Structures are given as C-alpha cells and as structure tokens.
C-alpha cells in the first residue's frame, strides 16, 4: 500500500510536458507573418535587380530578308535575294 502512494502521488509521479520535435527557430518558419515578410523581402530584392538593369543601355539587331525581282522567271535566282541588318537602340522610358 505504501508503494502505491509513492507511485501514484507526489511530484515525481507526473509525466513531463510534451516537447515539440525540432528547434525553437523552426517555429518561426511556420508563422504566416514571417513567411509573408520573407516573400516581400525576396520580391523587393528582385525589384532592385530590375532597376539596376534598367540603368544600362539596351541594343538590338534588326534584320530582314526576302526576294525581289522584276520578272517572275528570275524570282528564285540567287541574284534576286535581298537582305539587310541594322543596329537599333532602345529608347529609355521613365
């Protein structure tokens, strides 16, 4: 009977509280406000890269190719080939 009192009652008979598995810092990763702030920071960081890229000039090459002939019999001959290539500069928009 004395053994039942010791096992069943007293400060040593309680089970310890359940401790969640993992690090306490892992709890931060599950908070919606922290996730939202992290996504917003990533978005603003990407925007900085876009703004920096807009500071540099942009150049393009524009070209065309085709066939031109006065008579239809010469239309597919090598002398009727026509082509052109030119550089093009993009206009900065602010």
PDB file of N, CA and C in Angstrom:
ATOM      1  N   UNK A   1       0.805  -1.190   0.000  1.00  0.00           N
ATOM      2  CA  UNK A   1       0.000   0.000   0.000  1.00  0.00           C
ATOM      3  C   UNK A   1       0.849   1.256   0.000  1.00  0.00           C
ATOM      4  N   UNK A   2       1.954   1.200   0.681  1.00  0.00           N
ATOM      5  CA  UNK A   2       2.844   2.362   0.721  1.00  0.00           C
ATOM      6  C   UNK A   2       3.452   2.608  -0.653  1.00  0.00           C
ATOM      7  N   UNK A   3       3.675   1.511  -1.385  1.00  0.00           N
ATOM      8  CA  UNK A   3       4.255   1.659  -2.721  1.00  0.00           C
ATOM      9  C   UNK A   3       3.279   2.355  -3.659  1.00  0.00           C
ATOM     10  N   UNK A   4       2.006   2.110  -3.499  1.00  0.00           N
ATOM     11  CA  UNK A   4       1.011   2.780  -4.339  1.00  0.00           C
ATOM     12  C   UNK A   4       0.977   4.265  -4.080  1.00  0.00           C
ATOM     13  N   UNK A   5       1.106   4.665  -2.855  1.00  0.00           N
ATOM     14  CA  UNK A   5       1.092   6.093  -2.546  1.00  0.00           C
ATOM     15  C   UNK A   5       2.291   6.802  -3.188  1.00  0.00           C
ATOM     16  N   UNK A   6       3.429   6.189  -3.153  1.00  0.00           N
ATOM     17  CA  UNK A   6       4.628   6.827  -3.702  1.00  0.00           C
ATOM     18  C   UNK A   6       4.518   6.916  -5.229  1.00  0.00           C
ATOM     19  N   UNK A   7       4.064   5.839  -5.865  1.00  0.00           N
ATOM     20  CA  UNK A   7       3.962   5.832  -7.318  1.00  0.00           C
ATOM     21  C   UNK A   7       2.810   6.709  -7.786  1.00  0.00           C
ATOM     22  N   UNK A   8       1.703   6.670  -7.130  1.00  0.00           N
ATOM     23  CA  UNK A   8       0.506   7.361  -7.590  1.00  0.00           C
ATOM     24  C   UNK A   8       0.434   8.825  -7.220  1.00  0.00           C
ATOM     25  N   UNK A   9       1.136   9.272  -6.212  1.00  0.00           N
ATOM     26  CA  UNK A   9       1.007  10.651  -5.748  1.00  0.00           C
ATOM     27  C   UNK A   9       2.384  11.274  -5.588  1.00  0.00           C
ATOM     28  N   UNK A  10       2.412  12.593  -5.592  1.00  0.00           N
ATOM     29  CA  UNK A  10       3.656  13.292  -5.316  1.00  0.00           C
ATOM     30  C   UNK A  10       4.225  13.960  -6.568  1.00  0.00           C
ATOM     31  N   UNK A  11       5.275  14.735  -6.390  1.00  0.00           N
ATOM     32  CA  UNK A  11       5.839  15.498  -7.509  1.00  0.00           C
ATOM     33  C   UNK A  11       6.540  14.621  -8.537  1.00  0.00           C
ATOM     34  N   UNK A  12       6.969  13.435  -8.183  1.00  0.00           N
ATOM     35  CA  UNK A  12       7.685  12.580  -9.114  1.00  0.00           C
ATOM     36  C   UNK A  12       6.771  11.712  -9.976  1.00  0.00           C
ATOM     37  N   UNK A  13       5.489  11.716  -9.728  1.00  0.00           N
ATOM     38  CA  UNK A  13       4.584  10.844 -10.470  1.00  0.00           C
ATOM     39  C   UNK A  13       4.078  11.500 -11.760  1.00  0.00           C
ATOM     40  N   UNK A  14       4.256  12.793 -11.931  1.00  0.00           N
ATOM     41  CA  UNK A  14       3.760  13.477 -13.143  1.00  0.00           C
ATOM     42  C   UNK A  14       4.689  13.205 -14.332  1.00  0.00           C
ATOM     43  N   UNK A  15       4.084  13.106 -15.492  1.00  0.00           N
ATOM     44  CA  UNK A  15       4.893  12.965 -16.703  1.00  0.00           C
ATOM     45  C   UNK A  15       5.347  14.358 -17.153  1.00  0.00           C
ATOM     46  N   UNK A  16       6.521  14.454 -17.727  1.00  0.00           N
ATOM     47  CA  UNK A  16       6.989  15.765 -18.165  1.00  0.00           C
ATOM     48  C   UNK A  16       6.138  16.282 -19.326  1.00  0.00           C
ATOM     49  N   UNK A  17       6.067  17.596 -19.486  1.00  0.00           N
ATOM     50  CA  UNK A  17       5.267  18.140 -20.599  1.00  0.00           C
ATOM     51  C   UNK A  17       5.869  17.699 -21.943  1.00  0.00           C
ATOM     52  N   UNK A  18       5.007  17.563 -22.927  1.00  0.00           N
ATOM     53  CA  UNK A  18       5.454  17.109 -24.241  1.00  0.00           C
ATOM     54  C   UNK A  18       6.214  18.239 -24.935  1.00  0.00           C
ATOM     55  N   UNK A  19       7.431  17.948 -25.348  1.00  0.00           N
ATOM     56  CA  UNK A  19       8.283  18.932 -26.017  1.00  0.00           C
ATOM     57  C   UNK A  19       8.173  18.698 -27.519  1.00  0.00           C
ATOM     58  N   UNK A  20       7.881  19.759 -28.315  1.00  0.00           N
ATOM     59  CA  UNK A  20       7.774  19.562 -29.763  1.00  0.00           C
ATOM     60  C   UNK A  20       9.132  19.192 -30.359  1.00  0.00           C
ATOM     61  N   UNK A  21       9.092  18.377 -31.393  1.00  0.00           N
ATOM     62  CA  UNK A  21      10.310  17.927 -32.054  1.00  0.00           C
ATOM     63  C   UNK A  21      10.844  19.055 -32.927  1.00  0.00           C
ATOM     64  N   UNK A  22      12.145  19.254 -32.920  1.00  0.00           N
ATOM     65  CA  UNK A  22      12.763  20.271 -33.754  1.00  0.00           C
ATOM     66  C   UNK A  22      13.315  21.409 -32.929  1.00  0.00           C
ATOM     67  N   UNK A  23      13.854  22.376 -33.625  1.00  0.00           N
ATOM     68  CA  UNK A  23      14.429  23.542 -32.965  1.00  0.00           C
ATOM     69  C   UNK A  23      13.366  24.600 -32.724  1.00  0.00           C
ATOM     70  N   UNK A  24      13.538  25.418 -31.704  1.00  0.00           N
ATOM     71  CA  UNK A  24      12.579  26.509 -31.496  1.00  0.00           C
ATOM     72  C   UNK A  24      12.546  27.488 -32.675  1.00  0.00           C
ATOM     73  N   UNK A  25      13.660  27.624 -33.383  1.00  0.00           N
ATOM     74  CA  UNK A  25      13.673  28.535 -34.525  1.00  0.00           C
ATOM     75  C   UNK A  25      12.804  28.015 -35.674  1.00  0.00           C
ATOM     76  N   UNK A  26      12.526  26.702 -35.696  1.00  0.00           N
ATOM     77  CA  UNK A  26      11.654  26.150 -36.729  1.00  0.00           C
ATOM     78  C   UNK A  26      10.226  26.665 -36.586  1.00  0.00           C
ATOM     79  N   UNK A  27       9.853  27.047 -35.390  1.00  0.00           N
ATOM     80  CA  UNK A  27       8.508  27.595 -35.188  1.00  0.00           C
ATOM     81  C   UNK A  27       8.336  28.892 -35.960  1.00  0.00           C
ATOM     82  N   UNK A  28       9.393  29.674 -36.098  1.00  0.00           N
ATOM     83  CA  UNK A  28       9.312  30.933 -36.846  1.00  0.00           C
ATOM     84  C   UNK A  28       9.003  30.686 -38.314  1.00  0.00           C
ATOM     85  N   UNK A  29       9.507  29.595 -38.857  1.00  0.00           N
ATOM     86  CA  UNK A  29       9.302  29.308 -40.272  1.00  0.00           C
ATOM     87  C   UNK A  29       7.855  28.962 -40.592  1.00  0.00           C
ATOM     88  N   UNK A  30       7.084  28.617 -39.577  1.00  0.00           N
ATOM     89  CA  UNK A  30       5.677  28.266 -39.802  1.00  0.00           C
ATOM     90  C   UNK A  30       4.726  29.438 -39.572  1.00  0.00           C
ATOM     91  N   UNK A  31       5.241  30.548 -39.054  1.00  0.00           N
ATOM     92  CA  UNK A  31       4.360  31.691 -38.796  1.00  0.00           C
ATOM     93  C   UNK A  31       4.016  32.397 -40.097  1.00  0.00           C
ATOM     94  N   UNK A  32       2.717  32.686 -40.335  1.00  0.00           N
ATOM     95  CA  UNK A  32       2.315  33.320 -41.604  1.00  0.00           C
ATOM     96  C   UNK A  32       2.892  34.726 -41.770  1.00  0.00           C
ATOM     97  N   UNK A  33       3.025  35.489 -40.697  1.00  0.00           N
ATOM     98  CA  UNK A  33       3.560  36.844 -40.844  1.00  0.00           C
ATOM     99  C   UNK A  33       5.037  36.820 -41.207  1.00  0.00           C
ATOM    100  N   UNK A  34       5.783  35.844 -40.701  1.00  0.00           N
ATOM    101  CA  UNK A  34       7.197  35.724 -41.041  1.00  0.00           C
ATOM    102  C   UNK A  34       7.340  35.260 -42.492  1.00  0.00           C
ATOM    103  N   UNK A  35       6.492  34.327 -42.924  1.00  0.00           N
ATOM    104  CA  UNK A  35       6.523  33.874 -44.319  1.00  0.00           C
ATOM    105  C   UNK A  35       6.202  35.019 -45.273  1.00  0.00           C
ATOM    106  N   UNK A  36       5.219  35.830 -44.926  1.00  0.00           N
ATOM    107  CA  UNK A  36       4.833  36.967 -45.765  1.00  0.00           C
ATOM    108  C   UNK A  36       5.974  37.977 -45.851  1.00  0.00           C
ATOM    109  N   UNK A  37       6.626  38.262 -44.730  1.00  0.00           N
ATOM    110  CA  UNK A  37       7.746  39.203 -44.722  1.00  0.00           C
ATOM    111  C   UNK A  37       8.921  38.670 -45.542  1.00  0.00           C
ATOM    112  N   UNK A  38       9.159  37.367 -45.481  1.00  0.00           N
ATOM    113  CA  UNK A  38      10.244  36.771 -46.257  1.00  0.00           C
ATOM    114  C   UNK A  38       9.971  36.871 -47.758  1.00  0.00           C
ATOM    115  N   UNK A  39       8.748  36.607 -48.182  1.00  0.00           N
ATOM    116  CA  UNK A  39       8.379  36.716 -49.599  1.00  0.00           C
ATOM    117  C   UNK A  39       8.454  38.175 -50.065  1.00  0.00           C
ATOM    118  N   UNK A  40       8.052  39.109 -49.203  1.00  0.00           N
ATOM    119  CA  UNK A  40       8.110  40.526 -49.567  1.00  0.00           C
ATOM    120  C   UNK A  40       9.565  40.969 -49.724  1.00  0.00           C
ATOM    121  N   UNK A  41      10.444  40.502 -48.864  1.00  0.00           N
ATOM    122  CA  UNK A  41      11.866  40.827 -48.973  1.00  0.00           C
ATOM    123  C   UNK A  41      12.444  40.267 -50.269  1.00  0.00           C
ATOM    124  N   UNK A  42      12.088  39.044 -50.623  1.00  0.00           N
ATOM    125  CA  UNK A  42      12.570  38.451 -51.871  1.00  0.00           C
ATOM    126  C   UNK A  42      12.062  39.228 -53.081  1.00  0.00           C
ATOM    127  N   UNK A  43      10.820  39.685 -53.011  1.00  0.00           N
ATOM    128  CA  UNK A  43      10.245  40.464 -54.106  1.00  0.00           C
ATOM    129  C   UNK A  43      10.966  41.802 -54.272  1.00  0.00           C
ATOM    130  N   UNK A  44      11.219  42.482 -53.178  1.00  0.00           N
ATOM    131  CA  UNK A  44      11.919  43.776 -53.241  1.00  0.00           C
ATOM    132  C   UNK A  44      13.363  43.603 -53.696  1.00  0.00           C
ATOM    133  N   UNK A  45      14.004  42.508 -53.325  1.00  0.00           N
ATOM    134  CA  UNK A  45      15.373  42.248 -53.763  1.00  0.00           C
ATOM    135  C   UNK A  45      15.405  42.032 -55.275  1.00  0.00           C
ATOM    136  N   UNK A  46      14.431  41.321 -55.813  1.00  0.00           N
ATOM    137  CA  UNK A  46      14.354  41.123 -57.257  1.00  0.00           C
ATOM    138  C   UNK A  46      14.091  42.441 -57.968  1.00  0.00           C
ATOM    139  N   UNK A  47      13.289  43.289 -57.379  1.00  0.00           N
ATOM    140  CA  UNK A  47      12.977  44.602 -57.973  1.00  0.00           C
ATOM    141  C   UNK A  47      14.235  45.463 -58.060  1.00  0.00           C
ATOM    142  N   UNK A  48      15.126  45.363 -57.074  1.00  0.00           N
ATOM    143  CA  UNK A  48      16.380  46.116 -57.114  1.00  0.00           C
ATOM    144  C   UNK A  48      17.195  45.683 -58.333  1.00  0.00           C
ATOM    145  N   UNK A  49      17.236  44.393 -58.607  1.00  0.00           N
ATOM    146  CA  UNK A  49      17.946  43.895 -59.777  1.00  0.00           C
ATOM    147  C   UNK A  49      17.356  44.417 -61.078  1.00  0.00           C
ATOM    148  N   UNK A  50      16.041  44.527 -61.151  1.00  0.00           N
ATOM    149  CA  UNK A  50      15.391  45.054 -62.346  1.00  0.00           C
ATOM    150  C   UNK A  50      15.731  46.525 -62.546  1.00  0.00           C
ATOM    151  N   UNK A  51      15.726  47.289 -61.462  1.00  0.00           N
ATOM    152  CA  UNK A  51      16.028  48.718 -61.563  1.00  0.00           C
ATOM    153  C   UNK A  51      17.484  48.919 -61.982  1.00  0.00           C
ATOM    154  N   UNK A  52      18.399  48.122 -61.452  1.00  0.00           N
ATOM    155  CA  UNK A  52      19.802  48.221 -61.866  1.00  0.00           C
ATOM    156  C   UNK A  52      19.960  47.889 -63.344  1.00  0.00           C
ATOM    157  N   UNK A  53      19.258  46.885 -63.827  1.00  0.00           N
ATOM    158  CA  UNK A  53      19.349  46.508 -65.236  1.00  0.00           C
ATOM    159  C   UNK A  53      18.828  47.611 -66.144  1.00  0.00           C
ATOM    160  N   UNK A  54      17.854  48.375 -65.695  1.00  0.00           N
ATOM    161  CA  UNK A  54      17.309  49.470 -66.499  1.00  0.00           C
ATOM    162  C   UNK A  54      18.283  50.631 -66.644  1.00  0.00           C
ATOM    163  N   UNK A  55      19.321  50.693 -65.818  1.00  0.00           N
ATOM    164  CA  UNK A  55      20.305  51.768 -65.923  1.00  0.00           C
ATOM    165  C   UNK A  55      21.226  51.585 -67.129  1.00  0.00           C
ATOM    166  N   UNK A  56      21.365  50.372 -67.631  1.00  0.00           N
ATOM    167  CA  UNK A  56      22.251  50.094 -68.747  1.00  0.00           C
ATOM    168  C   UNK A  56      21.509  50.247 -70.069  1.00  0.00           C
ATOM    169  N   UNK A  57      22.209  50.708 -71.115  1.00  0.00           N
ATOM    170  CA  UNK A  57      21.543  50.842 -72.420  1.00  0.00           C
ATOM    171  C   UNK A  57      21.234  49.473 -73.017  1.00  0.00           C
ATOM    172  N   UNK A  58      20.218  49.447 -73.828  1.00  0.00           N
ATOM    173  CA  UNK A  58      19.814  48.214 -74.491  1.00  0.00           C
ATOM    174  C   UNK A  58      19.976  48.400 -76.000  1.00  0.00           C
ATOM    175  N   UNK A  59      20.601  47.428 -76.653  1.00  0.00           N
ATOM    176  CA  UNK A  59      20.805  47.468 -78.090  1.00  0.00           C
ATOM    177  C   UNK A  59      20.213  46.218 -78.714  1.00  0.00           C
ATOM    178  N   UNK A  60      19.683  46.373 -79.906  1.00  0.00           N
ATOM    179  CA  UNK A  60      19.075  45.265 -80.626  1.00  0.00           C
ATOM    180  C   UNK A  60      19.590  45.259 -82.052  1.00  0.00           C
ATOM    181  N   UNK A  61      19.614  44.115 -82.677  1.00  0.00           N
ATOM    182  CA  UNK A  61      19.897  43.996 -84.099  1.00  0.00           C
ATOM    183  C   UNK A  61      18.597  43.673 -84.804  1.00  0.00           C
ATOM    184  N   UNK A  62      18.283  44.478 -85.810  1.00  0.00           N
ATOM    185  CA  UNK A  62      17.073  44.280 -86.580  1.00  0.00           C
ATOM    186  C   UNK A  62      17.479  43.876 -87.988  1.00  0.00           C
ATOM    187  N   UNK A  63      16.827  42.890 -88.533  1.00  0.00           N
ATOM    188  CA  UNK A  63      17.179  42.439 -89.873  1.00  0.00           C
ATOM    189  C   UNK A  63      15.977  41.969 -90.637  1.00  0.00           C
ATOM    190  N   UNK A  64      16.167  41.897 -91.952  1.00  0.00           N
ATOM    191  CA  UNK A  64      15.108  41.379 -92.811  1.00  0.00           C
ATOM    192  C   UNK A  64      15.754  40.675 -93.998  1.00  0.00           C
ATOM    193  N   UNK A  65      15.018  39.751 -94.560  1.00  0.00           N
ATOM    194  CA  UNK A  65      15.485  39.017 -95.735  1.00  0.00           C
ATOM    195  C   UNK A  65      14.293  38.752 -96.639  1.00  0.00           C
ATOM    196  N   UNK A  66      14.576  38.686 -97.913  1.00  0.00           N
ATOM    197  CA  UNK A  66      13.480  38.440 -98.843  1.00  0.00           C
ATOM    198  C   UNK A  66      13.981  38.248-100.256  1.00  0.00           C
ATOM    199  N   UNK A  67      13.046  38.226-101.179  1.00  0.00           N
ATOM    200  CA  UNK A  67      13.334  38.079-102.601  1.00  0.00           C
ATOM    201  C   UNK A  67      12.710  39.249-103.345  1.00  0.00           C
ATOM    202  N   UNK A  68      13.431  39.778-104.342  1.00  0.00           N
ATOM    203  CA  UNK A  68      12.905  40.867-105.160  1.00  0.00           C
ATOM    204  C   UNK A  68      13.363  40.661-106.594  1.00  0.00           C
ATOM    205  N   UNK A  69      12.415  40.761-107.517  1.00  0.00           N
ATOM    206  CA  UNK A  69      12.735  40.593-108.928  1.00  0.00           C
ATOM    207  C   UNK A  69      11.693  41.306-109.764  1.00  0.00           C
ATOM    208  N   UNK A  70      12.129  41.778-110.926  1.00  0.00           N
ATOM    209  CA  UNK A  70      11.191  42.439-111.838  1.00  0.00           C
ATOM    210  C   UNK A  70      10.369  41.396-112.596  1.00  0.00           C
ATOM    211  N   UNK A  71      11.002  40.326-113.014  1.00  0.00           N
ATOM    212  CA  UNK A  71      10.270  39.294-113.746  1.00  0.00           C
ATOM    213  C   UNK A  71      10.126  38.047-112.864  1.00  0.00           C
ATOM    214  N   UNK A  72       9.071  37.315-113.074  1.00  0.00           N
ATOM    215  CA  UNK A  72       8.814  36.132-112.258  1.00  0.00           C
ATOM    216  C   UNK A  72       9.779  35.000-112.562  1.00  0.00           C
ATOM    217  N   UNK A  73      10.376  34.999-113.712  1.00  0.00           N
ATOM    218  CA  UNK A  73      11.312  33.927-114.047  1.00  0.00           C
ATOM    219  C   UNK A  73      12.607  34.049-113.236  1.00  0.00           C
ATOM    220  N   UNK A  74      12.985  35.241-112.829  1.00  0.00           N
ATOM    221  CA  UNK A  74      14.202  35.460-112.036  1.00  0.00           C
ATOM    222  C   UNK A  74      13.927  35.517-110.530  1.00  0.00           C
ATOM    223  N   UNK A  75      12.698  35.254-110.151  1.00  0.00           N
ATOM    224  CA  UNK A  75      12.315  35.453-108.739  1.00  0.00           C
ATOM    225  C   UNK A  75      13.105  34.554-107.781  1.00  0.00           C
ATOM    226  N   UNK A  76      13.362  33.300-108.145  1.00  0.00           N
ATOM    227  CA  UNK A  76      14.062  32.372-107.264  1.00  0.00           C
ATOM    228  C   UNK A  76      15.544  32.230-107.597  1.00  0.00           C
ATOM    229  N   UNK A  77      16.082  33.064-108.423  1.00  0.00           N
ATOM    230  CA  UNK A  77      17.510  33.008-108.743  1.00  0.00           C
ATOM    231  C   UNK A  77      18.305  33.684-107.627  1.00  0.00           C
ATOM    232  N   UNK A  78      19.592  33.326-107.485  1.00  0.00           N
ATOM    233  CA  UNK A  78      20.412  33.914-106.421  1.00  0.00           C
ATOM    234  C   UNK A  78      20.551  35.433-106.513  1.00  0.00           C
ATOM    235  N   UNK A  79      20.383  36.003-107.688  1.00  0.00           N
ATOM    236  CA  UNK A  79      20.528  37.460-107.837  1.00  0.00           C
ATOM    237  C   UNK A  79      19.335  38.223-107.284  1.00  0.00           C
ATOM    238  N   UNK A  80      18.236  37.548-107.026  1.00  0.00           N
ATOM    239  CA  UNK A  80      17.059  38.250-106.528  1.00  0.00           C
ATOM    240  C   UNK A  80      16.975  38.283-105.000  1.00  0.00           C
ATOM    241  N   UNK A  81      17.984  37.720-104.350  1.00  0.00           N
ATOM    242  CA  UNK A  81      17.966  37.732-102.876  1.00  0.00           C
ATOM    243  C   UNK A  81      18.217  39.134-102.340  1.00  0.00           C
ATOM    244  N   UNK A  82      17.579  39.434-101.232  1.00  0.00           N
ATOM    245  CA  UNK A  82      17.657  40.763-100.643  1.00  0.00           C
ATOM    246  C   UNK A  82      17.716  40.607 -99.127  1.00  0.00           C
ATOM    247  N   UNK A  83      18.641  41.294 -98.468  1.00  0.00           N
ATOM    248  CA  UNK A  83      18.723  41.225 -97.004  1.00  0.00           C
ATOM    249  C   UNK A  83      19.299  42.519 -96.463  1.00  0.00           C
ATOM    250  N   UNK A  84      19.015  42.796 -95.200  1.00  0.00           N
ATOM    251  CA  UNK A  84      19.585  43.965 -94.529  1.00  0.00           C
ATOM    252  C   UNK A  84      19.616  43.710 -93.024  1.00  0.00           C
ATOM    253  N   UNK A  85      20.644  44.255 -92.376  1.00  0.00           N
ATOM    254  CA  UNK A  85      20.792  44.176 -90.922  1.00  0.00           C
ATOM    255  C   UNK A  85      21.187  45.557 -90.432  1.00  0.00           C
ATOM    256  N   UNK A  86      20.566  45.994 -89.353  1.00  0.00           N
ATOM    257  CA  UNK A  86      20.932  47.293 -88.789  1.00  0.00           C
ATOM    258  C   UNK A  86      20.808  47.247 -87.273  1.00  0.00           C
ATOM    259  N   UNK A  87      21.666  47.992 -86.583  1.00  0.00           N
ATOM    260  CA  UNK A  87      21.536  48.072 -85.127  1.00  0.00           C
ATOM    261  C   UNK A  87      20.376  48.988 -84.761  1.00  0.00           C
ATOM    262  N   UNK A  88      19.777  48.724 -83.644  1.00  0.00           N
ATOM    263  CA  UNK A  88      18.661  49.526 -83.150  1.00  0.00           C
ATOM    264  C   UNK A  88      18.860  49.765 -81.678  1.00  0.00           C
ATOM    265  N   UNK A  89      18.646  50.970 -81.232  1.00  0.00           N
ATOM    266  CA  UNK A  89      18.844  51.308 -79.826  1.00  0.00           C
ATOM    267  C   UNK A  89      17.460  51.527 -79.199  1.00  0.00           C
ATOM    268  N   UNK A  90      17.288  50.939 -78.029  1.00  0.00           N
ATOM    269  CA  UNK A  90      16.016  51.109 -77.315  1.00  0.00           C
ATOM    270  C   UNK A  90      15.979  52.482 -76.671  1.00  0.00           C
ATOM    271  N   UNK A  91      14.828  53.071 -76.680  1.00  0.00           N
ATOM    272  CA  UNK A  91      14.645  54.393 -76.076  1.00  0.00           C
ATOM    273  C   UNK A  91      14.332  54.195 -74.594  1.00  0.00           C
ATOM    274  N   UNK A  92      15.014  54.966 -73.759  1.00  0.00           N
ATOM    275  CA  UNK A  92      14.781  54.853 -72.308  1.00  0.00           C
ATOM    276  C   UNK A  92      13.435  55.453 -71.965  1.00  0.00           C
ATOM    277  N   UNK A  93      12.660  54.733 -71.167  1.00  0.00           N
ATOM    278  CA  UNK A  93      11.353  55.211 -70.719  1.00  0.00           C
ATOM    279  C   UNK A  93      11.398  55.452 -69.214  1.00  0.00           C
ATOM    280  N   UNK A  94      10.974  56.610 -68.817  1.00  0.00           N
ATOM    281  CA  UNK A  94      10.951  56.937 -67.379  1.00  0.00           C
ATOM    282  C   UNK A  94       9.548  57.203 -66.922  1.00  0.00           C
TER     283      UNK A  94
END
